[in-house]
């Protein structure tokens, strides 16, 4: 993918994902905050407002506010800057890897906007049940998530796929270099 096309793809994913994430979070604040969950499909899918002070599944949520902000705003900003630089380095990168990194970047930016706008908190509002894992009456559920989280997970899945789809000659040439 040439530089102009890469720029267009990354910008497009970033704009669509961040705008969709921020709009849905504003809707969650307006329609779900202070209200009971809205349940669909026999409680398979649930819309419920939550504020996440931590990272993935509340990780680091118990740290002091200063430490948490340093880690989740400061460190995330550095990581997002590194991903952006990597995306635009003049090197051959598989198209699927560019899309994957753009999704990860867009999700990170969406959640970073929340952390800055809401004093370190990220708005989450979706939750899914996992009925196929039901054990003795206990039905596990996913953590509560948002569109930015979906973009990050989607990007990570695409990165894994990119590794498996790597052209054979590329694998052989990198093996010969070592």
N, C-alpha and C. Protein backbone atom coordinates (compact mmCIF):
# COMPACT_ATOMS: atom_id res chain seq x y z
N UNK A 1 0.86 -1.17 0.00
CA UNK A 1 0.00 0.00 0.00
C UNK A 1 0.91 1.23 0.00
N UNK A 2 0.69 2.12 -0.97
CA UNK A 2 1.53 3.31 -1.03
C UNK A 2 1.17 4.28 0.11
N UNK A 3 2.00 5.29 0.28
CA UNK A 3 1.86 6.20 1.42
C UNK A 3 0.52 6.94 1.42
N UNK A 4 0.09 7.44 0.25
CA UNK A 4 -1.18 8.18 0.18
C UNK A 4 -2.36 7.29 0.54
N UNK A 5 -2.35 6.07 0.01
CA UNK A 5 -3.43 5.14 0.30
C UNK A 5 -3.42 4.76 1.78
N UNK A 6 -2.24 4.54 2.32
CA UNK A 6 -2.12 4.21 3.74
C UNK A 6 -2.67 5.35 4.60
N UNK A 7 -2.31 6.57 4.26
CA UNK A 7 -2.81 7.74 4.99
C UNK A 7 -4.33 7.81 4.93
N UNK A 8 -4.90 7.58 3.74
CA UNK A 8 -6.35 7.62 3.57
C UNK A 8 -7.04 6.53 4.38
N UNK A 9 -6.49 5.32 4.36
CA UNK A 9 -7.09 4.20 5.10
C UNK A 9 -7.03 4.47 6.60
N UNK A 10 -5.87 4.88 7.09
CA UNK A 10 -5.72 5.15 8.53
C UNK A 10 -6.64 6.29 8.96
N UNK A 11 -6.65 7.38 8.18
CA UNK A 11 -7.49 8.53 8.53
C UNK A 11 -8.97 8.14 8.50
N UNK A 12 -9.37 7.38 7.52
CA UNK A 12 -10.77 6.94 7.41
C UNK A 12 -11.18 6.09 8.60
N UNK A 13 -10.37 5.11 8.94
CA UNK A 13 -10.68 4.24 10.09
C UNK A 13 -10.70 5.06 11.37
N UNK A 14 -9.72 5.91 11.52
CA UNK A 14 -9.61 6.73 12.73
C UNK A 14 -10.85 7.63 12.89
N UNK A 15 -11.23 8.32 11.83
CA UNK A 15 -12.37 9.23 11.90
C UNK A 15 -13.66 8.48 12.18
N UNK A 16 -13.94 7.44 11.40
CA UNK A 16 -15.19 6.69 11.57
C UNK A 16 -15.26 6.06 12.96
N UNK A 17 -14.20 5.41 13.37
CA UNK A 17 -14.21 4.71 14.66
C UNK A 17 -14.33 5.66 15.84
N UNK A 18 -13.55 6.73 15.84
CA UNK A 18 -13.57 7.67 16.96
C UNK A 18 -14.92 8.41 17.01
N UNK A 19 -15.44 8.83 15.88
CA UNK A 19 -16.72 9.52 15.86
C UNK A 19 -17.84 8.58 16.34
N UNK A 20 -17.87 7.37 15.83
CA UNK A 20 -18.88 6.40 16.25
C UNK A 20 -18.76 6.10 17.75
N UNK A 21 -17.53 5.93 18.22
CA UNK A 21 -17.29 5.67 19.65
C UNK A 21 -17.79 6.83 20.50
N UNK A 22 -17.44 8.04 20.14
CA UNK A 22 -17.83 9.19 20.95
C UNK A 22 -19.34 9.45 20.90
N UNK A 23 -19.96 9.26 19.75
CA UNK A 23 -21.41 9.44 19.65
C UNK A 23 -22.13 8.41 20.52
N UNK A 24 -21.72 7.15 20.43
CA UNK A 24 -22.40 6.12 21.23
C UNK A 24 -22.17 6.32 22.72
N UNK A 25 -21.01 6.82 23.11
CA UNK A 25 -20.77 7.10 24.53
C UNK A 25 -21.65 8.25 25.01
N UNK A 26 -21.85 9.28 24.18
CA UNK A 26 -22.73 10.39 24.55
C UNK A 26 -24.16 9.89 24.68
N UNK A 27 -24.56 8.98 23.80
CA UNK A 27 -25.89 8.39 23.87
C UNK A 27 -26.04 7.57 25.16
N UNK A 28 -25.00 6.83 25.52
CA UNK A 28 -25.04 6.04 26.75
C UNK A 28 -25.19 6.95 27.96
N UNK A 29 -24.46 8.05 27.96
CA UNK A 29 -24.57 9.01 29.08
C UNK A 29 -26.00 9.56 29.15
N UNK A 30 -26.55 9.94 28.01
CA UNK A 30 -27.88 10.55 27.98
C UNK A 30 -29.00 9.56 28.28
N UNK A 31 -28.89 8.34 27.79
CA UNK A 31 -30.02 7.40 27.86
C UNK A 31 -29.87 6.29 28.89
N UNK A 32 -28.63 5.98 29.29
CA UNK A 32 -28.44 4.83 30.18
C UNK A 32 -28.01 5.20 31.60
N UNK A 33 -27.33 6.33 31.76
CA UNK A 33 -26.84 6.71 33.09
C UNK A 33 -28.01 6.86 34.05
N UNK A 34 -27.93 6.18 35.18
CA UNK A 34 -28.97 6.27 36.20
C UNK A 34 -30.20 5.43 35.92
N UNK A 35 -30.15 4.60 34.89
CA UNK A 35 -31.28 3.75 34.54
C UNK A 35 -30.87 2.28 34.61
N UNK A 36 -31.83 1.38 34.80
CA UNK A 36 -31.50 -0.05 34.81
C UNK A 36 -31.06 -0.50 33.41
N UNK A 37 -30.35 -1.62 33.32
CA UNK A 37 -29.90 -2.12 32.02
C UNK A 37 -31.08 -2.39 31.07
N UNK A 38 -30.82 -2.24 29.79
CA UNK A 38 -31.78 -2.61 28.75
C UNK A 38 -31.32 -3.96 28.21
N UNK A 39 -32.20 -4.94 28.30
CA UNK A 39 -31.82 -6.33 28.00
C UNK A 39 -32.44 -6.78 26.68
N UNK A 40 -31.63 -7.46 25.85
CA UNK A 40 -32.07 -7.97 24.56
C UNK A 40 -31.75 -9.46 24.45
N UNK A 41 -32.53 -10.16 23.64
CA UNK A 41 -32.31 -11.56 23.28
C UNK A 41 -32.07 -12.46 24.50
N UNK A 42 -33.00 -12.39 25.44
CA UNK A 42 -32.91 -13.26 26.61
C UNK A 42 -31.67 -13.00 27.45
N UNK A 43 -31.26 -11.77 27.54
CA UNK A 43 -30.09 -11.32 28.30
C UNK A 43 -28.75 -11.73 27.68
N UNK A 44 -28.79 -12.05 26.39
CA UNK A 44 -27.53 -12.29 25.69
C UNK A 44 -26.78 -10.97 25.53
N UNK A 45 -27.51 -9.90 25.20
CA UNK A 45 -26.90 -8.58 25.01
C UNK A 45 -27.56 -7.59 25.95
N UNK A 46 -26.76 -6.78 26.60
CA UNK A 46 -27.26 -5.84 27.60
C UNK A 46 -26.61 -4.48 27.38
N UNK A 47 -27.43 -3.43 27.43
CA UNK A 47 -26.92 -2.07 27.42
C UNK A 47 -27.02 -1.55 28.85
N UNK A 48 -25.90 -1.20 29.44
CA UNK A 48 -25.91 -0.66 30.79
C UNK A 48 -24.73 0.29 30.95
N UNK A 49 -24.99 1.39 31.61
CA UNK A 49 -23.98 2.42 31.79
C UNK A 49 -22.98 2.00 32.86
N UNK A 50 -21.70 2.24 32.57
CA UNK A 50 -20.65 1.99 33.56
C UNK A 50 -19.50 2.96 33.30
N UNK A 51 -18.83 3.32 34.37
CA UNK A 51 -17.64 4.15 34.28
C UNK A 51 -16.45 3.30 34.70
N UNK A 52 -15.48 3.20 33.82
CA UNK A 52 -14.31 2.37 34.07
C UNK A 52 -13.12 3.27 34.40
N UNK A 53 -12.64 3.20 35.62
CA UNK A 53 -11.46 3.99 36.00
C UNK A 53 -10.18 3.27 35.64
N UNK A 54 -10.27 1.99 35.32
CA UNK A 54 -9.09 1.20 34.99
C UNK A 54 -8.96 0.98 33.50
N UNK A 55 -8.13 0.01 33.16
CA UNK A 55 -7.95 -0.38 31.77
C UNK A 55 -8.85 -1.58 31.50
N UNK A 56 -8.41 -2.49 30.67
CA UNK A 56 -9.16 -3.70 30.30
C UNK A 56 -9.67 -4.42 31.54
N UNK A 57 -10.99 -4.60 31.63
CA UNK A 57 -11.66 -5.27 32.75
C UNK A 57 -11.31 -4.65 34.10
N UNK A 58 -11.09 -3.33 34.11
CA UNK A 58 -10.83 -2.61 35.36
C UNK A 58 -9.39 -2.71 35.86
N UNK A 59 -8.49 -3.30 35.07
CA UNK A 59 -7.09 -3.42 35.45
C UNK A 59 -6.51 -2.05 35.81
N UNK A 60 -5.82 -1.94 36.89
CA UNK A 60 -5.22 -0.71 37.44
C UNK A 60 -6.24 0.24 38.05
N UNK A 61 -7.50 -0.15 38.11
CA UNK A 61 -8.56 0.71 38.63
C UNK A 61 -8.41 1.04 40.11
N UNK A 62 -7.65 0.24 40.85
CA UNK A 62 -7.50 0.49 42.28
C UNK A 62 -6.27 1.34 42.61
N UNK A 63 -5.50 1.71 41.61
CA UNK A 63 -4.33 2.57 41.85
C UNK A 63 -4.81 3.98 42.22
N UNK A 64 -3.93 4.74 42.83
CA UNK A 64 -4.28 6.13 43.15
C UNK A 64 -4.55 6.88 41.84
N UNK A 65 -5.37 7.93 41.92
CA UNK A 65 -5.76 8.68 40.72
C UNK A 65 -4.54 9.21 39.96
N UNK A 66 -3.55 9.71 40.67
CA UNK A 66 -2.35 10.24 40.01
C UNK A 66 -1.58 9.17 39.27
N UNK A 67 -1.36 8.04 39.92
CA UNK A 67 -0.63 6.93 39.29
C UNK A 67 -1.42 6.38 38.12
N UNK A 68 -2.72 6.22 38.31
CA UNK A 68 -3.59 5.70 37.26
C UNK A 68 -3.57 6.62 36.05
N UNK A 69 -3.67 7.94 36.26
CA UNK A 69 -3.65 8.88 35.14
C UNK A 69 -2.30 8.88 34.43
N UNK A 70 -1.24 8.81 35.20
CA UNK A 70 0.09 8.74 34.59
C UNK A 70 0.20 7.52 33.70
N UNK A 71 -0.28 6.41 34.18
CA UNK A 71 -0.21 5.15 33.44
C UNK A 71 -1.18 5.14 32.26
N UNK A 72 -2.44 5.45 32.53
CA UNK A 72 -3.48 5.27 31.52
C UNK A 72 -3.63 6.45 30.56
N UNK A 73 -3.13 7.61 30.93
CA UNK A 73 -3.13 8.73 29.99
C UNK A 73 -1.73 8.92 29.42
N UNK A 74 -0.75 9.04 30.31
CA UNK A 74 0.63 9.28 29.87
C UNK A 74 1.21 8.14 29.05
N UNK A 75 1.19 6.92 29.61
CA UNK A 75 1.78 5.77 28.93
C UNK A 75 0.99 5.44 27.65
N UNK A 76 -0.35 5.51 27.74
CA UNK A 76 -1.16 5.26 26.54
C UNK A 76 -0.85 6.26 25.44
N UNK A 77 -0.61 7.52 25.80
CA UNK A 77 -0.27 8.53 24.79
C UNK A 77 1.04 8.19 24.09
N UNK A 78 2.00 7.70 24.86
CA UNK A 78 3.28 7.29 24.27
C UNK A 78 3.09 6.11 23.33
N UNK A 79 2.30 5.12 23.76
CA UNK A 79 2.03 3.94 22.93
C UNK A 79 1.32 4.35 21.64
N UNK A 80 0.31 5.20 21.75
CA UNK A 80 -0.44 5.64 20.56
C UNK A 80 0.44 6.44 19.61
N UNK A 81 1.35 7.23 20.15
CA UNK A 81 2.31 7.96 19.31
C UNK A 81 3.22 6.97 18.58
N UNK A 82 3.68 5.94 19.28
CA UNK A 82 4.55 4.94 18.67
C UNK A 82 3.81 4.19 17.56
N UNK A 83 2.56 3.83 17.78
CA UNK A 83 1.77 3.14 16.75
C UNK A 83 1.61 4.05 15.53
N UNK A 84 1.34 5.33 15.76
CA UNK A 84 1.19 6.27 14.66
C UNK A 84 2.48 6.38 13.85
N UNK A 85 3.61 6.52 14.54
CA UNK A 85 4.90 6.61 13.85
C UNK A 85 5.16 5.34 13.05
N UNK A 86 4.91 4.18 13.68
CA UNK A 86 5.13 2.90 13.01
C UNK A 86 4.27 2.79 11.75
N UNK A 87 3.04 3.26 11.83
CA UNK A 87 2.13 3.19 10.68
C UNK A 87 2.66 3.96 9.48
N UNK A 88 3.41 5.04 9.75
CA UNK A 88 3.84 5.88 8.64
C UNK A 88 5.33 5.81 8.33
N UNK A 89 6.01 4.84 8.93
CA UNK A 89 7.40 4.61 8.55
C UNK A 89 7.42 4.09 7.11
N UNK A 90 8.40 4.54 6.33
CA UNK A 90 8.46 4.09 4.93
C UNK A 90 8.96 2.64 4.85
N UNK A 91 8.05 1.72 5.04
CA UNK A 91 8.39 0.30 4.96
C UNK A 91 7.20 -0.45 4.41
N UNK A 92 7.48 -1.60 3.86
CA UNK A 92 6.40 -2.43 3.31
C UNK A 92 5.69 -3.11 4.47
N UNK A 93 4.38 -2.90 4.54
CA UNK A 93 3.55 -3.48 5.58
C UNK A 93 2.32 -4.08 4.92
N UNK A 94 1.94 -5.26 5.34
CA UNK A 94 0.74 -5.89 4.78
C UNK A 94 -0.48 -4.99 5.03
N UNK A 95 -1.38 -4.96 4.06
CA UNK A 95 -2.59 -4.13 4.18
C UNK A 95 -3.38 -4.47 5.44
N UNK A 96 -3.49 -5.76 5.74
CA UNK A 96 -4.27 -6.18 6.91
C UNK A 96 -3.61 -5.66 8.20
N UNK A 97 -2.29 -5.58 8.21
CA UNK A 97 -1.58 -5.06 9.39
C UNK A 97 -1.82 -3.56 9.55
N UNK A 98 -1.89 -2.84 8.44
CA UNK A 98 -2.18 -1.40 8.48
C UNK A 98 -3.58 -1.18 9.04
N UNK A 99 -4.54 -1.95 8.56
CA UNK A 99 -5.92 -1.83 9.05
C UNK A 99 -5.98 -2.19 10.54
N UNK A 100 -5.28 -3.25 10.92
CA UNK A 100 -5.27 -3.68 12.32
C UNK A 100 -4.70 -2.59 13.23
N UNK A 101 -3.57 -2.03 12.85
CA UNK A 101 -2.96 -0.97 13.66
C UNK A 101 -3.82 0.29 13.69
N UNK A 102 -4.49 0.59 12.58
CA UNK A 102 -5.39 1.74 12.56
C UNK A 102 -6.57 1.53 13.51
N UNK A 103 -7.09 0.32 13.57
CA UNK A 103 -8.17 0.02 14.51
C UNK A 103 -7.70 0.14 15.95
N UNK A 104 -6.53 -0.40 16.24
CA UNK A 104 -5.97 -0.30 17.60
C UNK A 104 -5.76 1.17 17.96
N UNK A 105 -5.20 1.93 17.03
CA UNK A 105 -4.98 3.36 17.25
C UNK A 105 -6.30 4.09 17.51
N UNK A 106 -7.31 3.80 16.69
CA UNK A 106 -8.59 4.49 16.83
C UNK A 106 -9.26 4.16 18.17
N UNK A 107 -9.19 2.91 18.59
CA UNK A 107 -9.75 2.55 19.89
C UNK A 107 -9.02 3.21 21.03
N UNK A 108 -7.70 3.25 20.93
CA UNK A 108 -6.90 3.91 21.95
C UNK A 108 -7.20 5.40 22.04
N UNK A 109 -7.37 6.03 20.88
CA UNK A 109 -7.70 7.47 20.86
C UNK A 109 -9.09 7.71 21.45
N UNK A 110 -10.05 6.87 21.10
CA UNK A 110 -11.41 7.02 21.63
C UNK A 110 -11.44 6.95 23.15
N UNK A 111 -10.73 5.97 23.72
CA UNK A 111 -10.71 5.85 25.18
C UNK A 111 -9.86 6.95 25.82
N UNK A 112 -8.82 7.39 25.14
CA UNK A 112 -7.99 8.47 25.66
C UNK A 112 -8.79 9.78 25.74
N UNK A 113 -9.63 10.02 24.74
CA UNK A 113 -10.49 11.20 24.78
C UNK A 113 -11.35 11.18 26.04
N UNK A 114 -11.93 10.02 26.35
CA UNK A 114 -12.74 9.90 27.57
C UNK A 114 -11.91 10.19 28.81
N UNK A 115 -10.75 9.58 28.90
CA UNK A 115 -9.92 9.75 30.10
C UNK A 115 -9.59 11.22 30.34
N UNK A 116 -9.33 11.95 29.26
CA UNK A 116 -9.01 13.37 29.39
C UNK A 116 -10.28 14.18 29.70
N UNK A 117 -11.37 13.87 29.01
CA UNK A 117 -12.61 14.64 29.18
C UNK A 117 -13.32 14.35 30.50
N UNK A 118 -13.20 13.13 31.01
CA UNK A 118 -13.96 12.72 32.21
C UNK A 118 -13.06 12.38 33.39
N UNK A 119 -11.98 13.09 33.53
CA UNK A 119 -11.09 12.95 34.70
C UNK A 119 -10.64 11.51 34.94
N UNK A 120 -10.18 10.86 33.90
CA UNK A 120 -9.61 9.52 34.05
C UNK A 120 -10.58 8.38 33.89
N UNK A 121 -11.84 8.67 33.56
CA UNK A 121 -12.87 7.64 33.45
C UNK A 121 -13.19 7.38 31.98
N UNK A 122 -13.45 6.10 31.64
CA UNK A 122 -13.91 5.73 30.31
C UNK A 122 -15.35 5.26 30.43
N UNK A 123 -16.22 5.72 29.53
CA UNK A 123 -17.62 5.32 29.52
C UNK A 123 -17.74 3.98 28.78
N UNK A 124 -18.34 3.01 29.46
CA UNK A 124 -18.63 1.70 28.87
C UNK A 124 -20.13 1.49 28.93
N UNK A 125 -20.67 0.66 28.01
CA UNK A 125 -22.13 0.51 28.00
C UNK A 125 -22.65 -0.77 27.38
N UNK A 126 -21.81 -1.66 26.91
CA UNK A 126 -22.29 -2.91 26.30
C UNK A 126 -21.77 -4.09 27.11
N UNK A 127 -22.59 -5.14 27.17
CA UNK A 127 -22.23 -6.33 27.93
C UNK A 127 -22.91 -7.52 27.26
N UNK A 128 -22.22 -8.64 27.19
CA UNK A 128 -22.78 -9.83 26.55
C UNK A 128 -22.70 -11.03 27.49
N UNK A 129 -23.75 -11.83 27.45
CA UNK A 129 -23.74 -13.09 28.18
C UNK A 129 -23.10 -14.17 27.31
N UNK A 130 -22.57 -15.17 27.95
CA UNK A 130 -21.94 -16.28 27.24
C UNK A 130 -22.67 -17.57 27.60
N UNK A 131 -23.93 -17.74 27.08
CA UNK A 131 -24.76 -18.86 27.52
C UNK A 131 -24.17 -20.24 27.21
N UNK A 132 -23.32 -20.35 26.20
CA UNK A 132 -22.73 -21.64 25.86
C UNK A 132 -21.70 -22.09 26.90
N UNK A 133 -21.32 -21.18 27.81
CA UNK A 133 -20.38 -21.52 28.88
C UNK A 133 -21.08 -21.71 30.24
N UNK A 134 -22.40 -21.81 30.21
CA UNK A 134 -23.18 -21.91 31.45
C UNK A 134 -22.73 -23.13 32.24
N UNK A 135 -22.41 -22.90 33.52
CA UNK A 135 -21.93 -23.96 34.40
C UNK A 135 -22.75 -23.93 35.69
N UNK A 136 -23.50 -25.00 35.95
CA UNK A 136 -24.28 -25.12 37.19
C UNK A 136 -25.06 -23.85 37.53
N UNK A 137 -25.78 -23.33 36.57
CA UNK A 137 -26.61 -22.16 36.82
C UNK A 137 -25.88 -20.82 36.71
N UNK A 138 -24.55 -20.84 36.61
CA UNK A 138 -23.78 -19.61 36.50
C UNK A 138 -23.50 -19.35 35.03
N UNK A 139 -23.92 -18.19 34.56
CA UNK A 139 -23.67 -17.82 33.17
C UNK A 139 -22.67 -16.68 33.13
N UNK A 140 -21.48 -16.94 32.63
CA UNK A 140 -20.47 -15.87 32.57
C UNK A 140 -20.87 -14.77 31.59
N UNK A 141 -20.37 -13.57 31.85
CA UNK A 141 -20.62 -12.42 30.99
C UNK A 141 -19.28 -11.78 30.64
N UNK A 142 -19.27 -11.07 29.55
CA UNK A 142 -18.08 -10.29 29.22
C UNK A 142 -18.01 -9.12 30.18
N UNK A 143 -16.89 -8.44 30.21
CA UNK A 143 -16.83 -7.17 30.91
C UNK A 143 -17.68 -6.17 30.13
N UNK A 144 -17.94 -5.03 30.73
CA UNK A 144 -18.70 -3.99 30.03
C UNK A 144 -17.71 -3.23 29.14
N UNK A 145 -18.10 -3.01 27.89
CA UNK A 145 -17.17 -2.44 26.91
C UNK A 145 -17.84 -1.37 26.07
N UNK A 146 -17.08 -0.81 25.13
CA UNK A 146 -17.59 0.24 24.25
C UNK A 146 -17.05 0.02 22.83
N UNK A 147 -17.38 0.91 21.93
CA UNK A 147 -16.95 0.79 20.53
C UNK A 147 -15.42 0.84 20.41
N UNK A 148 -14.77 1.69 21.19
CA UNK A 148 -13.31 1.77 21.15
C UNK A 148 -12.68 0.43 21.53
N UNK A 149 -13.25 -0.22 22.54
CA UNK A 149 -12.75 -1.54 22.94
C UNK A 149 -12.92 -2.56 21.82
N UNK A 150 -14.06 -2.48 21.12
CA UNK A 150 -14.28 -3.38 19.98
C UNK A 150 -13.24 -3.14 18.89
N UNK A 151 -12.90 -1.88 18.64
CA UNK A 151 -11.88 -1.56 17.63
C UNK A 151 -10.53 -2.13 18.03
N UNK A 152 -10.17 -2.01 19.30
CA UNK A 152 -8.89 -2.53 19.78
C UNK A 152 -8.85 -4.06 19.63
N UNK A 153 -9.90 -4.72 20.09
CA UNK A 153 -9.94 -6.19 19.99
C UNK A 153 -9.96 -6.63 18.53
N UNK A 154 -10.75 -5.93 17.70
CA UNK A 154 -10.77 -6.25 16.27
C UNK A 154 -9.39 -6.09 15.65
N UNK A 155 -8.68 -5.03 16.02
CA UNK A 155 -7.32 -4.81 15.52
C UNK A 155 -6.37 -5.91 15.96
N UNK A 156 -6.49 -6.34 17.21
CA UNK A 156 -5.63 -7.42 17.71
C UNK A 156 -5.91 -8.74 16.98
N UNK A 157 -7.19 -9.02 16.74
CA UNK A 157 -7.55 -10.23 15.99
C UNK A 157 -6.98 -10.16 14.58
N UNK A 158 -7.09 -9.00 13.93
CA UNK A 158 -6.52 -8.84 12.58
C UNK A 158 -5.00 -8.98 12.58
N UNK A 159 -4.34 -8.50 13.64
CA UNK A 159 -2.88 -8.66 13.73
C UNK A 159 -2.50 -10.14 13.80
N UNK A 160 -3.26 -10.91 14.55
CA UNK A 160 -3.01 -12.35 14.63
C UNK A 160 -3.25 -12.99 13.26
N UNK A 161 -4.35 -12.61 12.60
CA UNK A 161 -4.62 -13.13 11.26
C UNK A 161 -3.50 -12.74 10.29
N UNK A 162 -3.01 -11.51 10.41
CA UNK A 162 -1.94 -11.04 9.52
C UNK A 162 -0.71 -11.93 9.67
N UNK A 163 -0.44 -12.36 10.88
CA UNK A 163 0.72 -13.23 11.11
C UNK A 163 0.53 -14.56 10.40
N UNK A 164 -0.69 -15.09 10.42
CA UNK A 164 -0.95 -16.37 9.75
C UNK A 164 -1.05 -16.22 8.24
N UNK A 165 -1.39 -15.03 7.77
CA UNK A 165 -1.53 -14.80 6.34
C UNK A 165 -0.25 -14.27 5.69
N UNK A 166 0.80 -14.14 6.49
CA UNK A 166 2.06 -13.62 5.98
C UNK A 166 2.49 -14.46 4.77
N UNK A 167 2.82 -13.81 3.67
CA UNK A 167 3.24 -14.56 2.48
C UNK A 167 4.44 -15.47 2.78
N UNK A 168 4.43 -16.64 2.19
CA UNK A 168 5.46 -17.64 2.46
C UNK A 168 6.86 -17.11 2.14
N UNK A 169 7.01 -16.39 1.02
CA UNK A 169 8.34 -15.87 0.66
C UNK A 169 8.84 -14.85 1.68
N UNK A 170 7.93 -14.11 2.31
CA UNK A 170 8.32 -13.14 3.34
C UNK A 170 8.86 -13.89 4.56
N UNK A 171 8.21 -15.00 4.93
CA UNK A 171 8.68 -15.79 6.07
C UNK A 171 10.04 -16.39 5.76
N UNK A 172 10.21 -16.90 4.53
CA UNK A 172 11.48 -17.52 4.16
C UNK A 172 12.61 -16.49 4.13
N UNK A 173 12.34 -15.29 3.61
CA UNK A 173 13.39 -14.27 3.55
C UNK A 173 13.78 -13.80 4.95
N UNK A 174 12.83 -13.71 5.86
CA UNK A 174 13.18 -13.32 7.23
C UNK A 174 13.91 -14.45 7.94
N UNK A 175 13.62 -15.68 7.61
CA UNK A 175 14.32 -16.82 8.21
C UNK A 175 15.76 -16.87 7.70
N UNK A 176 15.98 -16.51 6.41
CA UNK A 176 17.31 -16.52 5.85
C UNK A 176 18.19 -15.41 6.42
N UNK A 177 17.57 -14.31 6.86
CA UNK A 177 18.32 -13.21 7.44
C UNK A 177 18.87 -13.56 8.82
N UNK A 178 18.18 -14.45 9.52
CA UNK A 178 18.62 -14.84 10.87
C UNK A 178 19.61 -15.92 10.75
